[in-house]
């Protein structure tokens, strides 16, 4: 069901944009050159960080926790790809999933945010966390 909804939303987003994916502000910071790796920011210094939805909006404790994480480490999540393939909806990083209600209904987004947060709290480098996230998702394909 999630795959069907994702495809439908993606098709709608592509139709709405005339078949073109929106280009982000600060596009030179977006990385997606590796085959099969969704987009993410490599440099967030000159990029406006979007606001996430408040965690209090969600009664589901798992969703609420995901939005709490996103509010704590938005710049870290901007530097991570999202493997639910929400880039077809114009998302440019894992953080974008938390600027709307998308992540509340997507275990891939919530699990990825939790994965990233645990490693960030353990003081791992962002590039190393991203590499682990990419590797983990390539193994799951």
N, C-alpha and C. Protein backbone atom coordinates (compact mmCIF):
# COMPACT_ATOMS: atom_id res chain seq x y z
N UNK A 1 0.83 -1.19 0.00
CA UNK A 1 0.00 0.00 0.00
C UNK A 1 0.88 1.26 0.00
N UNK A 2 1.95 1.24 0.83
CA UNK A 2 2.84 2.40 0.88
C UNK A 2 3.47 2.66 -0.48
N UNK A 3 3.87 1.59 -1.15
CA UNK A 3 4.49 1.75 -2.47
C UNK A 3 3.50 2.35 -3.47
N UNK A 4 2.26 1.91 -3.43
CA UNK A 4 1.24 2.42 -4.35
C UNK A 4 0.99 3.90 -4.09
N UNK A 5 0.88 4.27 -2.81
CA UNK A 5 0.65 5.66 -2.45
C UNK A 5 1.85 6.52 -2.87
N UNK A 6 3.06 6.01 -2.64
CA UNK A 6 4.27 6.75 -3.02
C UNK A 6 4.32 6.98 -4.52
N UNK A 7 4.01 5.95 -5.30
CA UNK A 7 4.02 6.07 -6.76
C UNK A 7 2.95 7.06 -7.22
N UNK A 8 1.78 6.97 -6.64
CA UNK A 8 0.69 7.88 -7.02
C UNK A 8 1.04 9.33 -6.72
N UNK A 9 1.59 9.57 -5.54
CA UNK A 9 1.97 10.93 -5.17
C UNK A 9 3.10 11.42 -6.06
N UNK A 10 4.04 10.53 -6.35
CA UNK A 10 5.15 10.89 -7.23
C UNK A 10 4.67 11.26 -8.62
N UNK A 11 3.75 10.47 -9.15
CA UNK A 11 3.21 10.76 -10.47
C UNK A 11 2.49 12.10 -10.47
N UNK A 12 1.72 12.37 -9.42
CA UNK A 12 1.03 13.65 -9.30
C UNK A 12 2.03 14.80 -9.25
N UNK A 13 3.13 14.64 -8.46
CA UNK A 13 4.13 15.70 -8.33
C UNK A 13 4.82 15.96 -9.66
N UNK A 14 5.15 14.89 -10.38
CA UNK A 14 5.79 15.08 -11.68
C UNK A 14 4.84 15.74 -12.67
N UNK A 15 3.56 15.36 -12.64
CA UNK A 15 2.56 15.98 -13.51
C UNK A 15 2.42 17.46 -13.18
N UNK A 16 2.34 17.77 -11.91
CA UNK A 16 2.18 19.16 -11.46
C UNK A 16 3.35 20.03 -11.92
N UNK A 17 4.55 19.47 -11.96
CA UNK A 17 5.74 20.22 -12.35
C UNK A 17 6.07 20.04 -13.82
N UNK A 18 5.15 19.57 -14.61
CA UNK A 18 5.40 19.40 -16.04
C UNK A 18 6.43 18.34 -16.34
N UNK A 19 6.55 17.34 -15.47
CA UNK A 19 7.50 16.26 -15.67
C UNK A 19 8.91 16.60 -15.21
N UNK A 20 9.09 17.79 -14.64
CA UNK A 20 10.42 18.19 -14.18
C UNK A 20 10.47 18.12 -12.66
N UNK A 21 11.57 17.61 -12.15
CA UNK A 21 11.78 17.65 -10.71
C UNK A 21 12.16 19.07 -10.32
N UNK A 22 11.62 19.59 -9.21
CA UNK A 22 11.97 20.94 -8.82
C UNK A 22 13.45 21.04 -8.47
N UNK A 23 14.06 22.16 -8.82
CA UNK A 23 15.46 22.33 -8.44
C UNK A 23 15.51 23.13 -7.15
N UNK A 24 16.29 22.63 -6.20
CA UNK A 24 16.34 23.27 -4.88
C UNK A 24 17.15 24.55 -4.91
N UNK A 25 16.86 25.43 -3.92
CA UNK A 25 17.74 26.57 -3.76
C UNK A 25 19.04 26.04 -3.19
N UNK A 26 20.14 26.53 -3.65
CA UNK A 26 21.41 25.98 -3.23
C UNK A 26 21.67 24.63 -3.89
N UNK A 27 21.21 24.49 -5.14
CA UNK A 27 21.28 23.20 -5.83
C UNK A 27 22.69 22.64 -5.91
N UNK A 28 23.69 23.50 -5.86
CA UNK A 28 25.06 22.99 -5.93
C UNK A 28 25.41 22.16 -4.71
N UNK A 29 24.63 22.25 -3.66
CA UNK A 29 24.88 21.49 -2.45
C UNK A 29 24.20 20.13 -2.46
N UNK A 30 23.32 19.87 -3.40
CA UNK A 30 22.58 18.62 -3.42
C UNK A 30 23.39 17.56 -4.15
N UNK A 31 23.51 16.41 -3.52
CA UNK A 31 24.30 15.30 -4.06
C UNK A 31 23.36 14.16 -4.42
N UNK A 32 23.49 13.62 -5.60
CA UNK A 32 22.75 12.42 -5.95
C UNK A 32 23.41 11.70 -7.11
N UNK A 33 24.73 11.84 -7.21
CA UNK A 33 25.42 11.28 -8.36
C UNK A 33 25.64 9.77 -8.27
N UNK A 34 25.65 9.20 -7.08
CA UNK A 34 25.82 7.76 -6.96
C UNK A 34 24.56 7.06 -7.45
N UNK A 35 24.73 6.05 -8.25
CA UNK A 35 23.58 5.31 -8.79
C UNK A 35 22.75 4.72 -7.65
N UNK A 36 21.46 4.99 -7.69
CA UNK A 36 20.54 4.43 -6.71
C UNK A 36 20.50 5.14 -5.37
N UNK A 37 21.28 6.20 -5.20
CA UNK A 37 21.28 6.94 -3.94
C UNK A 37 20.41 8.17 -4.10
N UNK A 38 19.35 8.30 -3.28
CA UNK A 38 18.50 9.49 -3.35
C UNK A 38 19.28 10.76 -2.99
N UNK A 39 18.72 11.92 -3.31
CA UNK A 39 19.44 13.18 -3.06
C UNK A 39 19.61 13.49 -1.57
N UNK A 40 20.65 14.25 -1.28
CA UNK A 40 20.93 14.78 0.05
C UNK A 40 21.87 15.96 -0.12
N UNK A 41 21.97 16.78 0.91
CA UNK A 41 22.85 17.94 0.87
C UNK A 41 24.23 17.56 1.37
N UNK A 42 25.25 18.01 0.67
CA UNK A 42 26.62 17.80 1.12
C UNK A 42 27.13 19.00 1.90
N UNK A 43 26.48 20.15 1.72
CA UNK A 43 26.87 21.38 2.40
C UNK A 43 25.60 22.12 2.77
N UNK A 44 25.38 22.31 4.05
CA UNK A 44 24.14 22.97 4.49
C UNK A 44 24.39 24.40 4.97
N UNK A 45 25.63 24.88 4.80
CA UNK A 45 25.96 26.22 5.29
C UNK A 45 25.15 27.33 4.63
N UNK A 46 24.90 27.23 3.32
CA UNK A 46 24.20 28.30 2.61
C UNK A 46 22.76 27.94 2.26
N UNK A 47 22.24 26.91 2.89
CA UNK A 47 20.89 26.44 2.59
C UNK A 47 19.95 26.80 3.74
N UNK A 48 18.77 27.29 3.41
CA UNK A 48 17.77 27.57 4.43
C UNK A 48 17.23 26.24 4.95
N UNK A 49 17.26 26.08 6.26
CA UNK A 49 16.79 24.85 6.88
C UNK A 49 15.28 24.94 7.06
N UNK A 50 14.54 24.04 6.42
CA UNK A 50 13.08 24.09 6.57
C UNK A 50 12.65 23.67 7.97
N UNK A 51 11.54 24.20 8.40
CA UNK A 51 10.97 23.87 9.72
C UNK A 51 10.25 22.53 9.65
N UNK A 52 10.41 21.76 10.69
CA UNK A 52 9.68 20.50 10.81
C UNK A 52 8.35 20.76 11.51
N UNK A 53 7.43 19.83 11.35
CA UNK A 53 6.17 19.95 12.08
C UNK A 53 6.43 19.70 13.57
N UNK A 54 5.66 20.35 14.44
CA UNK A 54 5.85 20.14 15.88
C UNK A 54 5.50 18.69 16.27
N UNK A 55 6.34 18.05 17.07
CA UNK A 55 6.08 16.67 17.50
C UNK A 55 4.73 16.51 18.20
N UNK A 56 4.27 17.56 18.87
CA UNK A 56 3.01 17.49 19.61
C UNK A 56 1.80 17.25 18.72
N UNK A 57 1.96 17.45 17.42
CA UNK A 57 0.85 17.22 16.49
C UNK A 57 0.51 15.75 16.33
N UNK A 58 1.38 14.87 16.84
CA UNK A 58 1.23 13.44 16.57
C UNK A 58 0.95 12.67 17.85
N UNK A 59 -0.15 11.91 17.84
CA UNK A 59 -0.50 11.10 19.01
C UNK A 59 0.27 9.78 19.02
N UNK A 60 0.66 9.30 17.84
CA UNK A 60 1.44 8.07 17.74
C UNK A 60 2.83 8.34 18.33
N UNK A 61 3.24 7.57 19.37
CA UNK A 61 4.52 7.85 20.01
C UNK A 61 5.74 7.65 19.09
N UNK A 62 5.65 6.74 18.15
CA UNK A 62 6.76 6.51 17.22
C UNK A 62 6.90 7.71 16.29
N UNK A 63 5.79 8.19 15.76
CA UNK A 63 5.82 9.38 14.90
C UNK A 63 6.30 10.59 15.69
N UNK A 64 5.77 10.75 16.89
CA UNK A 64 6.17 11.90 17.72
C UNK A 64 7.68 11.88 17.95
N UNK A 65 8.23 10.71 18.24
CA UNK A 65 9.68 10.60 18.48
C UNK A 65 10.46 10.95 17.22
N UNK A 66 9.99 10.52 16.07
CA UNK A 66 10.66 10.87 14.82
C UNK A 66 10.70 12.37 14.60
N UNK A 67 9.61 13.04 14.87
CA UNK A 67 9.56 14.50 14.69
C UNK A 67 10.38 15.22 15.76
N UNK A 68 10.50 14.63 16.95
CA UNK A 68 11.39 15.19 17.97
C UNK A 68 12.84 15.13 17.49
N UNK A 69 13.22 13.99 16.92
CA UNK A 69 14.57 13.83 16.39
C UNK A 69 14.83 14.86 15.29
N UNK A 70 13.88 14.98 14.36
CA UNK A 70 14.05 15.90 13.25
C UNK A 70 14.21 17.35 13.74
N UNK A 71 13.49 17.71 14.78
CA UNK A 71 13.61 19.06 15.33
C UNK A 71 14.96 19.29 16.00
N UNK A 72 15.55 18.22 16.54
CA UNK A 72 16.84 18.34 17.23
C UNK A 72 18.02 18.41 16.26
N UNK A 73 17.95 17.65 15.15
CA UNK A 73 19.11 17.56 14.25
C UNK A 73 18.73 17.82 12.79
N UNK A 74 18.07 18.93 12.50
CA UNK A 74 17.63 19.15 11.12
C UNK A 74 18.78 19.21 10.12
N UNK A 75 19.89 19.86 10.48
CA UNK A 75 21.01 19.96 9.53
C UNK A 75 21.66 18.61 9.28
N UNK A 76 21.62 17.73 10.25
CA UNK A 76 22.16 16.39 10.06
C UNK A 76 21.26 15.61 9.10
N UNK A 77 19.95 15.69 9.31
CA UNK A 77 19.02 14.96 8.44
C UNK A 77 19.03 15.51 7.02
N UNK A 78 19.36 16.79 6.85
CA UNK A 78 19.47 17.35 5.50
C UNK A 78 20.61 16.69 4.73
N UNK A 79 21.57 16.15 5.44
CA UNK A 79 22.74 15.54 4.82
C UNK A 79 22.59 14.04 4.64
N UNK A 80 21.34 13.56 4.76
CA UNK A 80 21.06 12.13 4.61
C UNK A 80 20.04 11.90 3.49
N UNK A 81 20.25 10.85 2.70
CA UNK A 81 19.25 10.49 1.69
C UNK A 81 18.08 9.78 2.35
N UNK A 82 16.94 9.81 1.70
CA UNK A 82 15.77 9.07 2.19
C UNK A 82 15.44 7.98 1.19
N UNK A 83 15.33 6.78 1.69
CA UNK A 83 15.13 5.62 0.82
C UNK A 83 13.67 5.22 0.62
N UNK A 84 12.73 6.09 0.95
CA UNK A 84 11.33 5.78 0.62
C UNK A 84 11.00 6.33 -0.76
N UNK A 85 12.00 6.88 -1.42
CA UNK A 85 11.89 7.41 -2.78
C UNK A 85 10.94 8.60 -2.88
N UNK A 86 10.94 9.39 -1.83
CA UNK A 86 10.11 10.59 -1.80
C UNK A 86 10.70 11.71 -2.65
N UNK A 87 11.88 11.48 -3.21
CA UNK A 87 12.46 12.50 -4.10
C UNK A 87 11.56 12.75 -5.31
N UNK A 88 10.72 11.77 -5.66
CA UNK A 88 9.77 11.98 -6.76
C UNK A 88 8.72 13.03 -6.38
N UNK A 89 8.59 13.32 -5.09
CA UNK A 89 7.67 14.36 -4.62
C UNK A 89 8.39 15.69 -4.43
N UNK A 90 9.69 15.72 -4.80
CA UNK A 90 10.45 16.95 -4.65
C UNK A 90 11.31 17.00 -3.40
N UNK A 91 11.30 15.95 -2.59
CA UNK A 91 12.13 15.96 -1.39
C UNK A 91 13.60 15.90 -1.78
N UNK A 92 14.42 16.66 -1.06
CA UNK A 92 15.84 16.77 -1.36
C UNK A 92 16.71 16.11 -0.31
N UNK A 93 16.09 15.60 0.76
CA UNK A 93 16.84 14.95 1.84
C UNK A 93 15.85 14.30 2.80
N UNK A 94 16.38 13.58 3.76
CA UNK A 94 15.54 12.94 4.78
C UNK A 94 14.76 13.98 5.58
N UNK A 95 15.33 15.14 5.79
CA UNK A 95 14.63 16.17 6.58
C UNK A 95 13.30 16.56 5.95
N UNK A 96 13.23 16.64 4.64
CA UNK A 96 11.99 17.08 3.97
C UNK A 96 10.79 16.22 4.35
N UNK A 97 11.02 14.97 4.70
CA UNK A 97 9.91 14.09 5.09
C UNK A 97 9.23 14.56 6.37
N UNK A 98 9.95 15.34 7.18
CA UNK A 98 9.44 15.79 8.47
C UNK A 98 8.90 17.22 8.43
N UNK A 99 8.90 17.84 7.24
CA UNK A 99 8.34 19.19 7.13
C UNK A 99 6.84 19.13 6.87
N UNK A 100 6.35 17.95 6.58
CA UNK A 100 4.93 17.67 6.41
C UNK A 100 4.60 16.40 7.17
N UNK A 101 3.45 15.83 6.91
CA UNK A 101 3.02 14.65 7.65
C UNK A 101 3.51 13.33 7.04
N UNK A 102 4.26 13.41 5.96
CA UNK A 102 4.73 12.22 5.27
C UNK A 102 5.40 11.21 6.21
N UNK A 103 6.38 11.67 6.99
CA UNK A 103 7.16 10.77 7.84
C UNK A 103 6.30 10.07 8.89
N UNK A 104 5.23 10.70 9.31
CA UNK A 104 4.38 10.10 10.34
C UNK A 104 3.79 8.77 9.90
N UNK A 105 3.71 8.57 8.59
CA UNK A 105 3.11 7.35 8.05
C UNK A 105 4.12 6.49 7.29
N UNK A 106 5.40 6.79 7.46
CA UNK A 106 6.43 6.08 6.69
C UNK A 106 7.49 5.51 7.62
N UNK A 107 7.49 4.20 7.78
CA UNK A 107 8.47 3.56 8.66
C UNK A 107 9.89 3.72 8.15
N UNK A 108 10.08 3.84 6.86
CA UNK A 108 11.42 4.03 6.32
C UNK A 108 11.99 5.36 6.83
N UNK A 109 11.21 6.41 6.77
CA UNK A 109 11.67 7.73 7.24
C UNK A 109 11.93 7.71 8.74
N UNK A 110 11.01 7.14 9.49
CA UNK A 110 11.14 7.11 10.95
C UNK A 110 12.33 6.26 11.38
N UNK A 111 12.49 5.10 10.76
CA UNK A 111 13.62 4.22 11.09
C UNK A 111 14.95 4.89 10.72
N UNK A 112 14.99 5.54 9.57
CA UNK A 112 16.22 6.21 9.14
C UNK A 112 16.59 7.33 10.10
N UNK A 113 15.62 8.13 10.51
CA UNK A 113 15.90 9.23 11.44
C UNK A 113 16.43 8.69 12.77
N UNK A 114 15.84 7.62 13.25
CA UNK A 114 16.30 7.01 14.50
C UNK A 114 17.73 6.47 14.36
N UNK A 115 18.00 5.80 13.24
CA UNK A 115 19.32 5.26 12.93
C UNK A 115 20.36 6.38 12.94
N UNK A 116 20.06 7.47 12.25
CA UNK A 116 20.98 8.60 12.15
C UNK A 116 21.19 9.23 13.52
N UNK A 117 20.10 9.42 14.26
CA UNK A 117 20.20 10.08 15.57
C UNK A 117 21.08 9.28 16.53
N UNK A 118 20.91 7.98 16.59
CA UNK A 118 21.72 7.15 17.49
C UNK A 118 23.20 7.29 17.17
N UNK A 119 23.54 7.28 15.92
CA UNK A 119 24.94 7.39 15.52
C UNK A 119 25.49 8.81 15.73
N UNK A 120 24.64 9.80 15.52
CA UNK A 120 25.04 11.19 15.77
C UNK A 120 25.30 11.39 17.27
N UNK A 121 24.43 10.83 18.11
CA UNK A 121 24.61 10.93 19.57
C UNK A 121 25.90 10.23 20.01
N UNK A 122 26.32 9.21 19.25
CA UNK A 122 27.56 8.50 19.56
C UNK A 122 28.78 9.23 18.97
N UNK A 123 28.57 10.45 18.48
CA UNK A 123 29.63 11.32 17.95
C UNK A 123 30.29 10.80 16.68
N UNK A 124 29.55 10.04 15.90
CA UNK A 124 30.08 9.61 14.60
C UNK A 124 30.02 10.78 13.63
N UNK A 125 30.94 10.81 12.68
CA UNK A 125 30.96 11.86 11.67
C UNK A 125 29.77 11.71 10.73
N UNK A 126 29.28 12.82 10.25
CA UNK A 126 28.10 12.82 9.37
C UNK A 126 28.35 11.98 8.12
N UNK A 127 29.51 12.12 7.51
CA UNK A 127 29.81 11.34 6.31
C UNK A 127 29.80 9.84 6.61
N UNK A 128 30.29 9.45 7.78
CA UNK A 128 30.29 8.04 8.15
C UNK A 128 28.87 7.53 8.38
N UNK A 129 28.04 8.35 9.01
CA UNK A 129 26.65 7.96 9.24
C UNK A 129 25.94 7.79 7.90
N UNK A 130 26.14 8.75 7.00
CA UNK A 130 25.52 8.68 5.69
C UNK A 130 25.98 7.42 4.94
N UNK A 131 27.26 7.13 5.00
CA UNK A 131 27.79 5.93 4.34
C UNK A 131 27.12 4.67 4.90
N UNK A 132 26.95 4.60 6.21
CA UNK A 132 26.28 3.45 6.84
C UNK A 132 24.83 3.34 6.39
N UNK A 133 24.15 4.48 6.33
CA UNK A 133 22.74 4.49 5.92
C UNK A 133 22.61 4.02 4.47
N UNK A 134 23.49 4.50 3.61
CA UNK A 134 23.47 4.08 2.20
C UNK A 134 23.76 2.59 2.09
N UNK A 135 24.80 2.14 2.78
CA UNK A 135 25.17 0.72 2.74
C UNK A 135 24.04 -0.17 3.26
N UNK A 136 23.44 0.22 4.37
CA UNK A 136 22.34 -0.55 4.95
C UNK A 136 21.18 -0.67 3.97
N UNK A 137 20.86 0.41 3.28
CA UNK A 137 19.74 0.38 2.34
C UNK A 137 20.07 -0.37 1.06
N UNK A 138 21.31 -0.35 0.64
CA UNK A 138 21.70 -1.14 -0.54
C UNK A 138 21.64 -2.63 -0.21
N UNK A 139 21.95 -3.01 1.02
CA UNK A 139 21.86 -4.41 1.44
C UNK A 139 20.41 -4.89 1.49
N UNK A 140 19.51 -3.97 1.81
CA UNK A 140 18.08 -4.31 1.94
C UNK A 140 17.37 -4.36 0.60
N UNK A 141 17.98 -3.85 -0.46
CA UNK A 141 17.34 -3.86 -1.79
C UNK A 141 17.24 -5.24 -2.37
